[in-house]
């Protein structure tokens, strides 16, 4: 199992809208091959900051199966305009 970790810094004042869009986007990611589970947690100390944790069966399921899919384009449309700066994504085993 691979854990994807992304720190998401949301543009100031857009957290509520981000959370609404994330509810739509999580149905996309949860339908992908190799997806196991995910959690989105809001930071207590820093306003408009989140951590996204996604468990995948393999690194390829995330990097190739998801990121090169048509569904990823929809994910990007829903979420990527909220990030400032764009998040760094790391993987752990």
PDB file of N, CA and C in Angstrom:
ATOM      1  N   UNK A   1       0.849  -1.182   0.000  1.00  0.00           N
ATOM      2  CA  UNK A   1       0.000   0.000   0.000  1.00  0.00           C
ATOM      3  C   UNK A   1       0.891   1.240   0.000  1.00  0.00           C
ATOM      4  N   UNK A   2       0.472   2.258  -0.741  1.00  0.00           N
ATOM      5  CA  UNK A   2       1.178   3.524  -0.855  1.00  0.00           C
ATOM      6  C   UNK A   2       0.289   4.624  -0.281  1.00  0.00           C
ATOM      7  N   UNK A   3       0.893   5.509   0.519  1.00  0.00           N
ATOM      8  CA  UNK A   3       0.174   6.647   1.058  1.00  0.00           C
ATOM      9  C   UNK A   3       0.600   7.904   0.311  1.00  0.00           C
ATOM     10  N   UNK A   4      -0.345   8.550  -0.322  1.00  0.00           N
ATOM     11  CA  UNK A   4      -0.126   9.840  -0.969  1.00  0.00           C
ATOM     12  C   UNK A   4      -0.431  10.923   0.062  1.00  0.00           C
ATOM     13  N   UNK A   5       0.486  11.892   0.200  1.00  0.00           N
ATOM     14  CA  UNK A   5       0.319  12.978   1.153  1.00  0.00           C
ATOM     15  C   UNK A   5       0.437  14.303   0.408  1.00  0.00           C
ATOM     16  N   UNK A   6      -0.584  15.144   0.525  1.00  0.00           N
ATOM     17  CA  UNK A   6      -0.566  16.461  -0.109  1.00  0.00           C
ATOM     18  C   UNK A   6      -0.988  17.504   0.917  1.00  0.00           C
ATOM     19  N   UNK A   7      -0.167  18.541   1.048  1.00  0.00           N
ATOM     20  CA  UNK A   7      -0.518  19.689   1.873  1.00  0.00           C
ATOM     21  C   UNK A   7      -1.187  20.700   0.946  1.00  0.00           C
ATOM     22  N   UNK A   8      -2.413  21.071   1.266  1.00  0.00           N
ATOM     23  CA  UNK A   8      -3.201  21.933   0.400  1.00  0.00           C
ATOM     24  C   UNK A   8      -3.393  23.295   1.058  1.00  0.00           C
ATOM     25  N   UNK A   9      -2.761  24.308   0.504  1.00  0.00           N
ATOM     26  CA  UNK A   9      -2.947  25.683   0.937  1.00  0.00           C
ATOM     27  C   UNK A   9      -3.966  26.325   0.000  1.00  0.00           C
ATOM     28  N   UNK A  10      -5.094  26.697   0.567  1.00  0.00           N
ATOM     29  CA  UNK A  10      -6.207  27.224  -0.207  1.00  0.00           C
ATOM     30  C   UNK A  10      -6.144  28.756  -0.205  1.00  0.00           C
ATOM     31  N   UNK A  11      -6.488  29.353  -1.335  1.00  0.00           N
ATOM     32  CA  UNK A  11      -6.517  30.817  -1.407  1.00  0.00           C
ATOM     33  C   UNK A  11      -7.414  31.354  -0.294  1.00  0.00           C
ATOM     34  N   UNK A  12      -6.957  32.423   0.324  1.00  0.00           N
ATOM     35  CA  UNK A  12      -7.659  32.990   1.467  1.00  0.00           C
ATOM     36  C   UNK A  12      -9.131  33.261   1.149  1.00  0.00           C
ATOM     37  N   UNK A  13      -9.983  32.750   2.051  1.00  0.00           N
ATOM     38  CA  UNK A  13     -11.413  32.988   1.927  1.00  0.00           C
ATOM     39  C   UNK A  13     -12.164  32.002   1.045  1.00  0.00           C
ATOM     40  N   UNK A  14     -11.461  31.012   0.498  1.00  0.00           N
ATOM     41  CA  UNK A  14     -12.105  30.069  -0.419  1.00  0.00           C
ATOM     42  C   UNK A  14     -12.287  28.665   0.169  1.00  0.00           C
ATOM     43  N   UNK A  15     -12.052  28.508   1.460  1.00  0.00           N
ATOM     44  CA  UNK A  15     -12.146  27.171   2.061  1.00  0.00           C
ATOM     45  C   UNK A  15     -13.540  26.563   1.955  1.00  0.00           C
ATOM     46  N   UNK A  16     -14.576  27.337   2.189  1.00  0.00           N
ATOM     47  CA  UNK A  16     -15.942  26.797   2.132  1.00  0.00           C
ATOM     48  C   UNK A  16     -16.256  26.289   0.727  1.00  0.00           C
ATOM     49  N   UNK A  17     -15.904  27.060  -0.282  1.00  0.00           N
ATOM     50  CA  UNK A  17     -16.136  26.644  -1.666  1.00  0.00           C
ATOM     51  C   UNK A  17     -15.285  25.420  -2.019  1.00  0.00           C
ATOM     52  N   UNK A  18     -14.035  25.408  -1.546  1.00  0.00           N
ATOM     53  CA  UNK A  18     -13.162  24.257  -1.763  1.00  0.00           C
ATOM     54  C   UNK A  18     -13.791  22.992  -1.179  1.00  0.00           C
ATOM     55  N   UNK A  19     -14.304  23.078   0.038  1.00  0.00           N
ATOM     56  CA  UNK A  19     -14.901  21.899   0.683  1.00  0.00           C
ATOM     57  C   UNK A  19     -16.113  21.385  -0.091  1.00  0.00           C
ATOM     58  N   UNK A  20     -16.913  22.280  -0.628  1.00  0.00           N
ATOM     59  CA  UNK A  20     -18.067  21.871  -1.445  1.00  0.00           C
ATOM     60  C   UNK A  20     -17.578  21.128  -2.689  1.00  0.00           C
ATOM     61  N   UNK A  21     -16.596  21.696  -3.369  1.00  0.00           N
ATOM     62  CA  UNK A  21     -16.063  21.052  -4.573  1.00  0.00           C
ATOM     63  C   UNK A  21     -15.362  19.746  -4.240  1.00  0.00           C
ATOM     64  N   UNK A  22     -14.707  19.682  -3.089  1.00  0.00           N
ATOM     65  CA  UNK A  22     -14.028  18.440  -2.720  1.00  0.00           C
ATOM     66  C   UNK A  22     -15.033  17.308  -2.526  1.00  0.00           C
ATOM     67  N   UNK A  23     -16.195  17.615  -1.990  1.00  0.00           N
ATOM     68  CA  UNK A  23     -17.244  16.583  -1.835  1.00  0.00           C
ATOM     69  C   UNK A  23     -17.597  15.975  -3.191  1.00  0.00           C
ATOM     70  N   UNK A  24     -17.627  16.797  -4.228  1.00  0.00           N
ATOM     71  CA  UNK A  24     -17.886  16.287  -5.582  1.00  0.00           C
ATOM     72  C   UNK A  24     -16.673  15.499  -6.083  1.00  0.00           C
ATOM     73  N   UNK A  25     -15.491  16.035  -5.848  1.00  0.00           N
ATOM     74  CA  UNK A  25     -14.261  15.429  -6.366  1.00  0.00           C
ATOM     75  C   UNK A  25     -13.946  14.096  -5.710  1.00  0.00           C
ATOM     76  N   UNK A  26     -14.324  13.922  -4.446  1.00  0.00           N
ATOM     77  CA  UNK A  26     -13.975  12.672  -3.780  1.00  0.00           C
ATOM     78  C   UNK A  26     -14.719  11.476  -4.387  1.00  0.00           C
ATOM     79  N   UNK A  27     -15.842  11.709  -5.033  1.00  0.00           N
ATOM     80  CA  UNK A  27     -16.513  10.597  -5.710  1.00  0.00           C
ATOM     81  C   UNK A  27     -15.704  10.151  -6.933  1.00  0.00           C
ATOM     82  N   UNK A  28     -14.952  11.085  -7.509  1.00  0.00           N
ATOM     83  CA  UNK A  28     -14.102  10.746  -8.654  1.00  0.00           C
ATOM     84  C   UNK A  28     -12.953   9.859  -8.203  1.00  0.00           C
ATOM     85  N   UNK A  29     -12.204  10.326  -7.217  1.00  0.00           N
ATOM     86  CA  UNK A  29     -11.008   9.589  -6.794  1.00  0.00           C
ATOM     87  C   UNK A  29     -11.379   8.224  -6.216  1.00  0.00           C
ATOM     88  N   UNK A  30     -12.480   8.160  -5.492  1.00  0.00           N
ATOM     89  CA  UNK A  30     -12.852   6.890  -4.855  1.00  0.00           C
ATOM     90  C   UNK A  30     -13.312   5.840  -5.857  1.00  0.00           C
ATOM     91  N   UNK A  31     -13.564   6.255  -7.098  1.00  0.00           N
ATOM     92  CA  UNK A  31     -13.987   5.297  -8.124  1.00  0.00           C
ATOM     93  C   UNK A  31     -12.813   4.727  -8.928  1.00  0.00           C
ATOM     94  N   UNK A  32     -11.594   5.208  -8.655  1.00  0.00           N
ATOM     95  CA  UNK A  32     -10.448   4.832  -9.482  1.00  0.00           C
ATOM     96  C   UNK A  32      -9.862   3.480  -9.085  1.00  0.00           C
ATOM     97  N   UNK A  33      -9.316   2.798 -10.077  1.00  0.00           N
ATOM     98  CA  UNK A  33      -8.644   1.514  -9.843  1.00  0.00           C
ATOM     99  C   UNK A  33      -7.476   1.731  -8.887  1.00  0.00           C
ATOM    100  N   UNK A  34      -7.362   0.881  -7.898  1.00  0.00           N
ATOM    101  CA  UNK A  34      -6.269   0.951  -6.947  1.00  0.00           C
ATOM    102  C   UNK A  34      -6.513   1.851  -5.752  1.00  0.00           C
ATOM    103  N   UNK A  35      -7.592   2.617  -5.792  1.00  0.00           N
ATOM    104  CA  UNK A  35      -7.944   3.480  -4.661  1.00  0.00           C
ATOM    105  C   UNK A  35      -8.357   2.608  -3.483  1.00  0.00           C
ATOM    106  N   UNK A  36      -7.876   2.960  -2.286  1.00  0.00           N
ATOM    107  CA  UNK A  36      -8.266   2.243  -1.071  1.00  0.00           C
ATOM    108  C   UNK A  36      -9.107   3.139  -0.156  1.00  0.00           C
ATOM    109  N   UNK A  37      -8.580   4.322   0.180  1.00  0.00           N
ATOM    110  CA  UNK A  37      -9.293   5.220   1.086  1.00  0.00           C
ATOM    111  C   UNK A  37      -8.645   6.602   1.045  1.00  0.00           C
ATOM    112  N   UNK A  38      -9.342   7.575   1.627  1.00  0.00           N
ATOM    113  CA  UNK A  38      -8.756   8.912   1.732  1.00  0.00           C
ATOM    114  C   UNK A  38      -9.331   9.645   2.940  1.00  0.00           C
ATOM    115  N   UNK A  39      -8.585  10.669   3.373  1.00  0.00           N
ATOM    116  CA  UNK A  39      -9.032  11.567   4.434  1.00  0.00           C
ATOM    117  C   UNK A  39      -8.574  12.970   4.074  1.00  0.00           C
ATOM    118  N   UNK A  40      -9.442  13.918   4.275  1.00  0.00           N
ATOM    119  CA  UNK A  40      -9.106  15.328   4.142  1.00  0.00           C
ATOM    120  C   UNK A  40      -9.266  15.934   5.530  1.00  0.00           C
ATOM    121  N   UNK A  41      -8.202  16.546   6.039  1.00  0.00           N
ATOM    122  CA  UNK A  41      -8.222  17.130   7.377  1.00  0.00           C
ATOM    123  C   UNK A  41      -7.891  18.616   7.291  1.00  0.00           C
ATOM    124  N   UNK A  42      -8.648  19.433   8.017  1.00  0.00           N
ATOM    125  CA  UNK A  42      -8.420  20.877   8.051  1.00  0.00           C
ATOM    126  C   UNK A  42      -7.478  21.211   9.202  1.00  0.00           C
ATOM    127  N   UNK A  43      -6.506  22.052   8.925  1.00  0.00           N
ATOM    128  CA  UNK A  43      -5.530  22.460   9.925  1.00  0.00           C
ATOM    129  C   UNK A  43      -6.201  23.314  11.005  1.00  0.00           C
ATOM    130  N   UNK A  44      -5.824  23.093  12.242  1.00  0.00           N
ATOM    131  CA  UNK A  44      -6.361  23.865  13.362  1.00  0.00           C
ATOM    132  C   UNK A  44      -5.637  25.209  13.472  1.00  0.00           C
ATOM    133  N   UNK A  45      -4.309  25.178  13.301  1.00  0.00           N
ATOM    134  CA  UNK A  45      -3.518  26.387  13.526  1.00  0.00           C
ATOM    135  C   UNK A  45      -3.505  27.363  12.349  1.00  0.00           C
ATOM    136  N   UNK A  46      -3.619  26.855  11.133  1.00  0.00           N
ATOM    137  CA  UNK A  46      -3.482  27.709   9.952  1.00  0.00           C
ATOM    138  C   UNK A  46      -4.788  27.694   9.156  1.00  0.00           C
ATOM    139  N   UNK A  47      -5.404  28.855   9.058  1.00  0.00           N
ATOM    140  CA  UNK A  47      -6.657  28.976   8.314  1.00  0.00           C
ATOM    141  C   UNK A  47      -6.407  28.654   6.838  1.00  0.00           C
ATOM    142  N   UNK A  48      -7.354  28.011   6.193  1.00  0.00           N
ATOM    143  CA  UNK A  48      -7.289  27.702   4.761  1.00  0.00           C
ATOM    144  C   UNK A  48      -6.189  26.702   4.409  1.00  0.00           C
ATOM    145  N   UNK A  49      -5.820  25.825   5.343  1.00  0.00           N
ATOM    146  CA  UNK A  49      -4.809  24.800   5.075  1.00  0.00           C
ATOM    147  C   UNK A  49      -5.387  23.428   5.418  1.00  0.00           C
ATOM    148  N   UNK A  50      -5.101  22.451   4.537  1.00  0.00           N
ATOM    149  CA  UNK A  50      -5.607  21.088   4.691  1.00  0.00           C
ATOM    150  C   UNK A  50      -4.478  20.101   4.406  1.00  0.00           C
ATOM    151  N   UNK A  51      -4.693  18.865   4.852  1.00  0.00           N
ATOM    152  CA  UNK A  51      -3.839  17.763   4.434  1.00  0.00           C
ATOM    153  C   UNK A  51      -4.754  16.710   3.818  1.00  0.00           C
ATOM    154  N   UNK A  52      -4.328  16.197   2.669  1.00  0.00           N
ATOM    155  CA  UNK A  52      -5.062  15.130   1.988  1.00  0.00           C
ATOM    156  C   UNK A  52      -4.209  13.874   2.038  1.00  0.00           C
ATOM    157  N   UNK A  53      -4.781  12.805   2.566  1.00  0.00           N
ATOM    158  CA  UNK A  53      -4.118  11.508   2.662  1.00  0.00           C
ATOM    159  C   UNK A  53      -4.920  10.511   1.843  1.00  0.00           C
ATOM    160  N   UNK A  54      -4.260   9.887   0.869  1.00  0.00           N
ATOM    161  CA  UNK A  54      -4.944   8.914   0.017  1.00  0.00           C
ATOM    162  C   UNK A  54      -4.133   7.627   0.007  1.00  0.00           C
ATOM    163  N   UNK A  55      -4.787   6.527   0.306  1.00  0.00           N
ATOM    164  CA  UNK A  55      -4.149   5.213   0.226  1.00  0.00           C
ATOM    165  C   UNK A  55      -4.450   4.579  -1.123  1.00  0.00           C
ATOM    166  N   UNK A  56      -3.386   4.145  -1.777  1.00  0.00           N
ATOM    167  CA  UNK A  56      -3.465   3.482  -3.083  1.00  0.00           C
ATOM    168  C   UNK A  56      -2.833   2.100  -2.973  1.00  0.00           C
ATOM    169  N   UNK A  57      -3.277   1.184  -3.816  1.00  0.00           N
ATOM    170  CA  UNK A  57      -2.655  -0.138  -3.844  1.00  0.00           C
ATOM    171  C   UNK A  57      -1.207  -0.046  -4.314  1.00  0.00           C
ATOM    172  N   UNK A  58      -0.956   0.750  -5.374  1.00  0.00           N
ATOM    173  CA  UNK A  58       0.403   0.904  -5.903  1.00  0.00           C
ATOM    174  C   UNK A  58       0.649   2.369  -6.273  1.00  0.00           C
ATOM    175  N   UNK A  59       1.905   2.719  -6.407  1.00  0.00           N
ATOM    176  CA  UNK A  59       2.273   4.056  -6.857  1.00  0.00           C
ATOM    177  C   UNK A  59       1.731   4.316  -8.262  1.00  0.00           C
ATOM    178  N   UNK A  60       1.784   3.306  -9.109  1.00  0.00           N
ATOM    179  CA  UNK A  60       1.301   3.425 -10.483  1.00  0.00           C
ATOM    180  C   UNK A  60      -0.199   3.716 -10.540  1.00  0.00           C
ATOM    181  N   UNK A  61      -0.954   3.165  -9.595  1.00  0.00           N
ATOM    182  CA  UNK A  61      -2.394   3.444  -9.564  1.00  0.00           C
ATOM    183  C   UNK A  61      -2.649   4.939  -9.425  1.00  0.00           C
ATOM    184  N   UNK A  62      -1.816   5.622  -8.663  1.00  0.00           N
ATOM    185  CA  UNK A  62      -1.975   7.068  -8.521  1.00  0.00           C
ATOM    186  C   UNK A  62      -1.338   7.827  -9.673  1.00  0.00           C
ATOM    187  N   UNK A  63      -0.054   7.582  -9.905  1.00  0.00           N
ATOM    188  CA  UNK A  63       0.723   8.372 -10.860  1.00  0.00           C
ATOM    189  C   UNK A  63       0.309   8.153 -12.312  1.00  0.00           C
ATOM    190  N   UNK A  64      -0.087   6.962 -12.658  1.00  0.00           N
ATOM    191  CA  UNK A  64      -0.457   6.659 -14.044  1.00  0.00           C
ATOM    192  C   UNK A  64      -1.972   6.479 -14.169  1.00  0.00           C
ATOM    193  N   UNK A  65      -2.516   5.546 -13.390  1.00  0.00           N
ATOM    194  CA  UNK A  65      -3.945   5.241 -13.498  1.00  0.00           C
ATOM    195  C   UNK A  65      -4.841   6.438 -13.245  1.00  0.00           C
ATOM    196  N   UNK A  66      -4.552   7.201 -12.201  1.00  0.00           N
ATOM    197  CA  UNK A  66      -5.390   8.353 -11.884  1.00  0.00           C
ATOM    198  C   UNK A  66      -4.942   9.599 -12.639  1.00  0.00           C
ATOM    199  N   UNK A  67      -3.689   9.960 -12.526  1.00  0.00           N
ATOM    200  CA  UNK A  67      -3.222  11.239 -13.083  1.00  0.00           C
ATOM    201  C   UNK A  67      -3.250  11.297 -14.609  1.00  0.00           C
ATOM    202  N   UNK A  68      -3.289  10.181 -15.272  1.00  0.00           N
ATOM    203  CA  UNK A  68      -3.344  10.192 -16.733  1.00  0.00           C
ATOM    204  C   UNK A  68      -4.748   9.855 -17.242  1.00  0.00           C
ATOM    205  N   UNK A  69      -5.720   9.877 -16.342  1.00  0.00           N
ATOM    206  CA  UNK A  69      -7.089   9.497 -16.708  1.00  0.00           C
ATOM    207  C   UNK A  69      -7.930  10.708 -17.092  1.00  0.00           C
ATOM    208  N   UNK A  70      -9.022  10.417 -17.779  1.00  0.00           N
ATOM    209  CA  UNK A  70     -10.018  11.454 -18.089  1.00  0.00           C
ATOM    210  C   UNK A  70     -10.611  12.012 -16.796  1.00  0.00           C
ATOM    211  N   UNK A  71     -10.800  11.166 -15.804  1.00  0.00           N
ATOM    212  CA  UNK A  71     -11.380  11.589 -14.528  1.00  0.00           C
ATOM    213  C   UNK A  71     -10.504  12.630 -13.827  1.00  0.00           C
ATOM    214  N   UNK A  72      -9.181  12.510 -14.004  1.00  0.00           N
ATOM    215  CA  UNK A  72      -8.271  13.473 -13.385  1.00  0.00           C
ATOM    216  C   UNK A  72      -8.498  14.879 -13.937  1.00  0.00           C
ATOM    217  N   UNK A  73      -8.855  14.975 -15.205  1.00  0.00           N
ATOM    218  CA  UNK A  73      -9.142  16.292 -15.784  1.00  0.00           C
ATOM    219  C   UNK A  73     -10.321  16.947 -15.059  1.00  0.00           C
ATOM    220  N   UNK A  74     -11.326  16.159 -14.730  1.00  0.00           N
ATOM    221  CA  UNK A  74     -12.478  16.678 -13.982  1.00  0.00           C
ATOM    222  C   UNK A  74     -12.057  17.076 -12.561  1.00  0.00           C
ATOM    223  N   UNK A  75     -11.208  16.247 -11.921  1.00  0.00           N
ATOM    224  CA  UNK A  75     -10.648  16.538 -10.596  1.00  0.00           C
ATOM    225  C   UNK A  75      -9.936  17.897 -10.620  1.00  0.00           C
ATOM    226  N   UNK A  76      -9.085  18.092 -11.626  1.00  0.00           N
ATOM    227  CA  UNK A  76      -8.346  19.345 -11.765  1.00  0.00           C
ATOM    228  C   UNK A  76      -9.285  20.530 -11.919  1.00  0.00           C
ATOM    229  N   UNK A  77     -10.316  20.371 -12.728  1.00  0.00           N
ATOM    230  CA  UNK A  77     -11.272  21.450 -12.955  1.00  0.00           C
ATOM    231  C   UNK A  77     -11.981  21.839 -11.656  1.00  0.00           C
ATOM    232  N   UNK A  78     -12.305  20.864 -10.844  1.00  0.00           N
ATOM    233  CA  UNK A  78     -12.995  21.119  -9.581  1.00  0.00           C
ATOM    234  C   UNK A  78     -12.103  21.760  -8.527  1.00  0.00           C
ATOM    235  N   UNK A  79     -10.799  21.388  -8.487  1.00  0.00           N
ATOM    236  CA  UNK A  79      -9.981  21.731  -7.329  1.00  0.00           C
ATOM    237  C   UNK A  79      -8.753  22.601  -7.566  1.00  0.00           C
ATOM    238  N   UNK A  80      -8.099  22.457  -8.682  1.00  0.00           N
ATOM    239  CA  UNK A  80      -6.771  23.058  -8.817  1.00  0.00           C
ATOM    240  C   UNK A  80      -6.758  24.585  -8.746  1.00  0.00           C
ATOM    241  N   UNK A  81      -7.846  25.240  -9.065  1.00  0.00           N
ATOM    242  CA  UNK A  81      -7.861  26.705  -9.009  1.00  0.00           C
ATOM    243  C   UNK A  81      -7.909  27.254  -7.576  1.00  0.00           C
ATOM    244  N   UNK A  82      -8.088  26.394  -6.577  1.00  0.00           N
ATOM    245  CA  UNK A  82      -8.116  26.830  -5.178  1.00  0.00           C
ATOM    246  C   UNK A  82      -6.725  26.915  -4.553  1.00  0.00           C
ATOM    247  N   UNK A  83      -5.726  26.260  -5.123  1.00  0.00           N
ATOM    248  CA  UNK A  83      -4.425  26.109  -4.471  1.00  0.00           C
ATOM    249  C   UNK A  83      -3.506  27.310  -4.694  1.00  0.00           C
ATOM    250  N   UNK A  84      -2.851  27.727  -3.596  1.00  0.00           N
ATOM    251  CA  UNK A  84      -1.843  28.778  -3.683  1.00  0.00           C
ATOM    252  C   UNK A  84      -0.865  28.626  -2.532  1.00  0.00           C
ATOM    253  N   UNK A  85       0.328  28.112  -2.762  1.00  0.00           N
ATOM    254  CA  UNK A  85       0.866  27.644  -4.042  1.00  0.00           C
ATOM    255  C   UNK A  85       0.332  26.250  -4.375  1.00  0.00           C
ATOM    256  N   UNK A  86       0.697  25.773  -5.552  1.00  0.00           N
ATOM    257  CA  UNK A  86       0.270  24.432  -5.945  1.00  0.00           C
ATOM    258  C   UNK A  86       0.928  23.422  -5.008  1.00  0.00           C
ATOM    259  N   UNK A  87       0.177  22.412  -4.531  1.00  0.00           N
ATOM    260  CA  UNK A  87       0.715  21.500  -3.524  1.00  0.00           C
ATOM    261  C   UNK A  87       1.812  20.573  -4.041  1.00  0.00           C
ATOM    262  N   UNK A  88       2.714  20.267  -3.132  1.00  0.00           N
ATOM    263  CA  UNK A  88       3.691  19.204  -3.356  1.00  0.00           C
ATOM    264  C   UNK A  88       3.045  17.906  -2.892  1.00  0.00           C
ATOM    265  N   UNK A  89       3.164  16.882  -3.709  1.00  0.00           N
ATOM    266  CA  UNK A  89       2.598  15.571  -3.374  1.00  0.00           C
ATOM    267  C   UNK A  89       3.753  14.601  -3.172  1.00  0.00           C
ATOM    268  N   UNK A  90       3.702  13.874  -2.063  1.00  0.00           N
ATOM    269  CA  UNK A  90       4.730  12.867  -1.773  1.00  0.00           C
ATOM    270  C   UNK A  90       4.047  11.535  -1.508  1.00  0.00           C
ATOM    271  N   UNK A  91       4.826  10.465  -1.670  1.00  0.00           N
ATOM    272  CA  UNK A  91       4.312   9.109  -1.466  1.00  0.00           C
ATOM    273  C   UNK A  91       5.150   8.388  -0.413  1.00  0.00           C
ATOM    274  N   UNK A  92       4.484   7.595   0.401  1.00  0.00           N
ATOM    275  CA  UNK A  92       5.125   6.873   1.494  1.00  0.00           C
ATOM    276  C   UNK A  92       4.689   5.416   1.466  1.00  0.00           C
ATOM    277  N   UNK A  93       5.608   4.561   1.900  1.00  0.00           N
ATOM    278  CA  UNK A  93       5.245   3.136   1.987  1.00  0.00           C
ATOM    279  C   UNK A  93       5.434   2.622   3.387  1.00  0.00           C
TER     280      UNK A  93
END
